[in-house]
Amino acid sequence: MESRSGEPSTFESAAERGLTTPRAAGVAGIVFSILFVVALVFLRQSLGRSLDTETVMRDLTGHGSNLALAGLYIVPFAGIAFLWFIGVVRDRIGEREDKFFATVFLGSGLLFVAMLFAGAAVIGGLVAGNRFGTATPTDVATVGFARSVGYSFLFVYAAKAAGVFTLATSTIIRRSHWPFWTSLSGFATAAVLILSIAFYEPIILLFAVWVAAISVYVLVTGGRQARGGTGL
């Protein structure tokens, strides 16, 4: 919408500033972190690695599946919040950042969401199939296989993609002259995620904690330091 003088209206300009403000990235990152942690905790209650397969099968046919089903529904919203986080941060990068790191940043972020959805679909499929009567678990081997595949997606492939995303983002942050702790914590988190070789569930939560910390910083400061650098 334009005014009679040909200039954008105040409403349009405000809307554009609202969409590109770094605080939007902060809110989206915090929402992702909360939903991601809650979803994993809910899924773990009924399908966690610490439970034997026989116990999981009993949970799938009882009230123990309620939390897992809730976690299954929360995962897509966590992924959507993370995509919003990627979009706003990438908008801040713009044309001023190295295209190599910008490409790795975007690609690894999208891969993380894809692996997150795939893992949740496999693990949550056990719950949803039994709840809606479309694929009731028939034996221990079936449930055990589904859990193994789901955990591989979540704690191997998604964790590695999250590590690469953290590494690329931390490199961009360092070049943007943010405080030293923002990039240092990112490099440390990336190292743990990429080099980890065990299905240790809390490891993936490091990614959520780091995203939350960066998001709170962006939300509080509004990215003022970034404006003097290459821009994030």
Protein backbone atom coordinates (compact mmCIF):
# COMPACT_ATOMS: atom_id res chain seq x y z
CA MET A 1 0.00 0.00 0.00
CA GLU A 2 1.39 3.42 -0.94
CA SER A 3 0.49 6.93 0.07
CA ARG A 4 -0.40 9.57 -2.50
CA SER A 5 3.23 10.74 -2.55
CA GLY A 6 4.33 7.30 -3.68
CA GLU A 7 5.96 6.39 -0.34
CA PRO A 8 5.06 3.19 1.53
CA SER A 9 2.37 3.72 4.13
CA THR A 10 3.20 3.75 7.83
CA PHE A 11 1.28 0.50 8.31
CA GLU A 12 3.24 -1.28 5.58
CA SER A 13 6.60 -0.02 6.86
CA ALA A 14 5.79 -1.10 10.40
CA ALA A 15 4.72 -4.52 9.20
CA GLU A 16 7.96 -4.99 7.27
CA ARG A 17 10.04 -3.95 10.27
CA GLY A 18 8.07 -6.34 12.46
CA LEU A 19 8.75 -9.29 10.19
CA THR A 20 12.49 -8.66 9.96
CA THR A 21 13.21 -7.64 13.56
CA PRO A 22 15.77 -9.92 15.25
CA ARG A 23 13.44 -10.19 18.23
CA ALA A 24 11.21 -12.40 16.06
CA ALA A 25 14.10 -14.85 15.85
CA GLY A 26 14.43 -14.72 19.64
CA VAL A 27 10.78 -15.54 20.23
CA ALA A 28 10.79 -18.34 17.64
CA GLY A 29 13.96 -19.86 19.11
CA ILE A 30 12.56 -19.86 22.63
CA VAL A 31 9.27 -21.39 21.47
CA PHE A 32 11.20 -24.12 19.61
CA SER A 33 13.37 -24.91 22.63
CA ILE A 34 10.39 -25.24 24.98
CA LEU A 35 8.30 -27.36 22.61
CA PHE A 36 11.27 -29.54 21.63
CA VAL A 37 12.17 -30.36 25.23
CA VAL A 38 8.54 -30.98 26.23
CA ALA A 39 7.96 -33.28 23.23
CA LEU A 40 11.06 -35.37 23.95
CA VAL A 41 10.19 -35.66 27.63
CA PHE A 42 6.66 -36.82 26.80
CA LEU A 43 7.85 -39.37 24.24
CA ARG A 44 10.50 -40.63 26.64
CA GLN A 45 7.91 -41.43 29.34
CA SER A 46 6.41 -44.25 27.30
CA LEU A 47 9.08 -45.06 24.71
CA GLY A 48 12.34 -44.08 26.38
CA ARG A 49 15.54 -46.03 25.93
CA SER A 50 15.64 -46.84 29.65
CA LEU A 51 12.45 -48.90 29.31
CA ASP A 52 12.57 -52.50 28.13
CA THR A 53 10.52 -53.43 25.08
CA GLU A 54 7.96 -55.43 27.06
CA THR A 55 7.22 -52.39 29.25
CA VAL A 56 6.86 -50.21 26.15
CA MET A 57 4.33 -52.64 24.68
CA ARG A 58 2.26 -52.46 27.87
CA ASP A 59 2.41 -48.66 27.79
CA LEU A 60 1.25 -48.59 24.19
CA THR A 61 -1.95 -50.39 25.09
CA GLY A 62 -2.70 -48.40 28.24
CA HIS A 63 -2.94 -44.89 29.56
CA GLY A 64 0.85 -44.61 29.46
CA SER A 65 0.58 -43.71 25.78
CA ASN A 66 -1.25 -40.43 26.48
CA LEU A 67 1.93 -38.42 27.09
CA ALA A 68 3.65 -39.98 24.09
CA LEU A 69 0.71 -39.07 21.87
CA ALA A 70 0.84 -35.48 23.18
CA GLY A 71 4.55 -35.38 22.38
CA LEU A 72 3.82 -36.64 18.90
CA TYR A 73 1.48 -33.72 18.27
CA ILE A 74 3.90 -31.17 19.74
CA VAL A 75 6.84 -32.10 17.47
CA PRO A 76 5.41 -30.47 14.29
CA PHE A 77 4.92 -27.18 16.10
CA ALA A 78 8.50 -27.34 17.38
CA GLY A 79 9.67 -27.87 13.81
CA ILE A 80 7.59 -24.95 12.54
CA ALA A 81 9.03 -22.66 15.22
CA PHE A 82 12.54 -23.74 14.24
CA LEU A 83 11.85 -23.03 10.55
CA TRP A 84 10.67 -19.56 11.56
CA PHE A 85 13.88 -19.15 13.57
CA ILE A 86 15.95 -20.13 10.52
CA GLY A 87 14.04 -17.76 8.25
CA VAL A 88 14.40 -14.70 10.44
CA VAL A 89 18.09 -15.32 11.20
CA ARG A 90 18.80 -15.94 7.51
CA ASP A 91 17.05 -12.69 6.67
CA ARG A 92 19.47 -10.92 9.00
CA ILE A 93 22.41 -12.55 7.21
CA GLY A 94 21.27 -11.24 3.84
CA GLU A 95 23.81 -10.76 1.06
CA ARG A 96 26.59 -9.70 3.40
CA GLU A 97 27.54 -13.11 4.71
CA ASP A 98 29.77 -15.74 3.11
CA LYS A 99 27.58 -17.87 0.85
CA PHE A 100 29.30 -21.09 1.93
CA PHE A 101 28.36 -20.70 5.59
CA ALA A 102 24.92 -19.36 4.69
CA THR A 103 24.28 -22.47 2.57
CA VAL A 104 25.51 -24.86 5.27
CA PHE A 105 23.42 -22.97 7.85
CA LEU A 106 20.23 -23.32 5.81
CA GLY A 107 20.83 -26.89 4.61
CA SER A 108 21.72 -28.31 8.02
CA GLY A 109 18.74 -26.55 9.62
CA LEU A 110 16.34 -28.06 7.11
CA LEU A 111 17.95 -31.49 7.53
CA PHE A 112 17.52 -31.25 11.30
CA VAL A 113 13.81 -30.58 10.94
CA ALA A 114 13.46 -33.44 8.44
CA MET A 115 15.24 -35.91 10.74
CA LEU A 116 13.22 -34.66 13.72
CA PHE A 117 9.95 -35.25 11.88
CA ALA A 118 11.08 -38.66 10.61
CA GLY A 119 12.18 -39.86 14.05
CA ALA A 120 9.00 -38.63 15.71
CA ALA A 121 6.90 -40.24 12.99
CA VAL A 122 8.53 -43.64 13.47
CA ILE A 123 8.43 -43.60 17.27
CA GLY A 124 5.08 -41.85 17.48
CA GLY A 125 3.66 -44.17 14.86
CA LEU A 126 3.69 -46.95 17.43
CA VAL A 127 1.47 -44.88 19.69
CA ALA A 128 -0.80 -43.46 17.00
CA GLY A 129 -1.21 -46.83 15.28
CA ASN A 130 -2.31 -48.50 18.48
CA ARG A 131 -4.53 -45.59 19.59
CA PHE A 132 -6.39 -45.34 16.27
CA GLY A 133 -6.41 -49.08 15.59
CA THR A 134 -4.52 -48.92 12.29
CA ALA A 135 -1.31 -50.76 13.24
CA THR A 136 -1.43 -52.41 16.64
CA PRO A 137 2.04 -53.69 17.72
CA THR A 138 2.10 -57.45 17.28
CA ASP A 139 5.38 -58.54 18.87
CA VAL A 140 8.47 -57.44 20.72
CA ALA A 141 10.63 -57.50 17.58
CA THR A 142 8.38 -55.02 15.75
CA VAL A 143 8.34 -52.55 18.62
CA GLY A 144 12.06 -52.93 19.20
CA PHE A 145 12.86 -52.30 15.53
CA ALA A 146 10.65 -49.20 15.37
CA ARG A 147 12.26 -47.76 18.49
CA SER A 148 15.74 -48.39 17.10
CA VAL A 149 14.95 -46.65 13.82
CA GLY A 150 13.30 -43.73 15.55
CA TYR A 151 16.21 -43.29 17.95
CA SER A 152 18.66 -43.43 15.05
CA PHE A 153 16.82 -40.57 13.34
CA LEU A 154 16.62 -38.48 16.51
CA PHE A 155 19.90 -39.10 18.29
CA VAL A 156 22.25 -39.82 15.37
CA TYR A 157 21.13 -38.05 12.20
CA ALA A 158 19.17 -35.18 13.77
CA ALA A 159 21.94 -34.65 16.35
CA LYS A 160 24.62 -34.49 13.65
CA ALA A 161 22.56 -32.07 11.54
CA ALA A 162 21.99 -29.93 14.65
CA GLY A 163 25.73 -29.97 15.30
CA VAL A 164 26.53 -28.73 11.79
CA PHE A 165 23.84 -26.06 12.10
CA THR A 166 25.31 -24.91 15.42
CA LEU A 167 28.82 -24.85 13.94
CA ALA A 168 27.78 -22.77 10.93
CA THR A 169 25.69 -20.39 13.03
CA SER A 170 28.50 -19.93 15.56
CA THR A 171 30.93 -19.07 12.76
CA ILE A 172 28.51 -16.45 11.44
CA ILE A 173 28.00 -15.11 14.97
CA ARG A 174 31.76 -14.82 15.51
CA ARG A 175 32.16 -12.86 12.27
CA SER A 176 29.27 -10.63 13.31
CA HIS A 177 31.15 -9.47 16.42
CA TRP A 178 28.74 -10.90 18.97
CA PRO A 179 29.99 -11.57 22.54
CA PHE A 180 32.62 -14.28 22.75
CA TRP A 181 30.44 -16.64 24.81
CA THR A 182 27.85 -16.93 22.02
CA SER A 183 30.26 -18.47 19.54
CA LEU A 184 32.34 -20.39 22.10
CA SER A 185 29.28 -22.13 23.54
CA GLY A 186 28.15 -22.92 20.00
CA PHE A 187 31.46 -24.50 19.02
CA ALA A 188 31.45 -26.60 22.20
CA THR A 189 27.86 -27.72 21.61
CA ALA A 190 28.62 -28.56 17.97
CA ALA A 191 31.63 -30.66 18.97
CA VAL A 192 29.56 -32.71 21.43
CA LEU A 193 26.71 -33.25 18.94
CA ILE A 194 28.93 -34.15 15.99
CA LEU A 195 31.41 -36.38 17.83
CA SER A 196 28.89 -38.21 20.03
CA ILE A 197 28.52 -41.90 19.12
CA ALA A 198 26.00 -43.01 21.79
CA PHE A 199 22.21 -42.92 22.03
CA TYR A 200 22.47 -40.68 25.08
CA GLU A 201 19.19 -38.77 25.15
CA PRO A 202 20.25 -35.60 27.06
CA ILE A 203 22.87 -34.81 24.39
CA ILE A 204 20.29 -33.56 21.89
CA LEU A 205 18.92 -31.28 24.61
CA LEU A 206 22.19 -29.32 24.49
CA PHE A 207 21.06 -28.00 21.13
CA ALA A 208 17.78 -26.74 22.58
CA VAL A 209 19.62 -25.09 25.47
CA TRP A 210 22.03 -23.33 23.08
CA VAL A 211 19.23 -22.11 20.80
CA ALA A 212 17.37 -20.82 23.86
CA ALA A 213 20.46 -18.99 25.15
CA ILE A 214 21.11 -17.31 21.80
CA SER A 215 17.41 -16.47 21.45
CA VAL A 216 17.25 -14.84 24.88
CA TYR A 217 20.33 -12.77 24.01
CA VAL A 218 18.74 -11.64 20.73
CA LEU A 219 15.44 -10.93 22.46
CA VAL A 220 17.07 -8.84 25.19
CA THR A 221 19.58 -6.89 23.07
CA GLY A 222 17.69 -6.70 19.79
CA GLY A 223 20.89 -7.66 17.95
CA ARG A 224 22.51 -4.26 18.46
CA GLN A 225 26.03 -5.67 18.28
CA ALA A 226 25.22 -7.45 15.04
CA ARG A 227 24.30 -4.22 13.29
CA GLY A 228 27.85 -3.00 13.58
CA GLY A 229 29.26 -6.14 12.01
CA THR A 230 28.40 -8.16 8.98
CA GLY A 231 24.83 -8.56 10.24
CA LEU A 232 23.02 -11.53 11.63
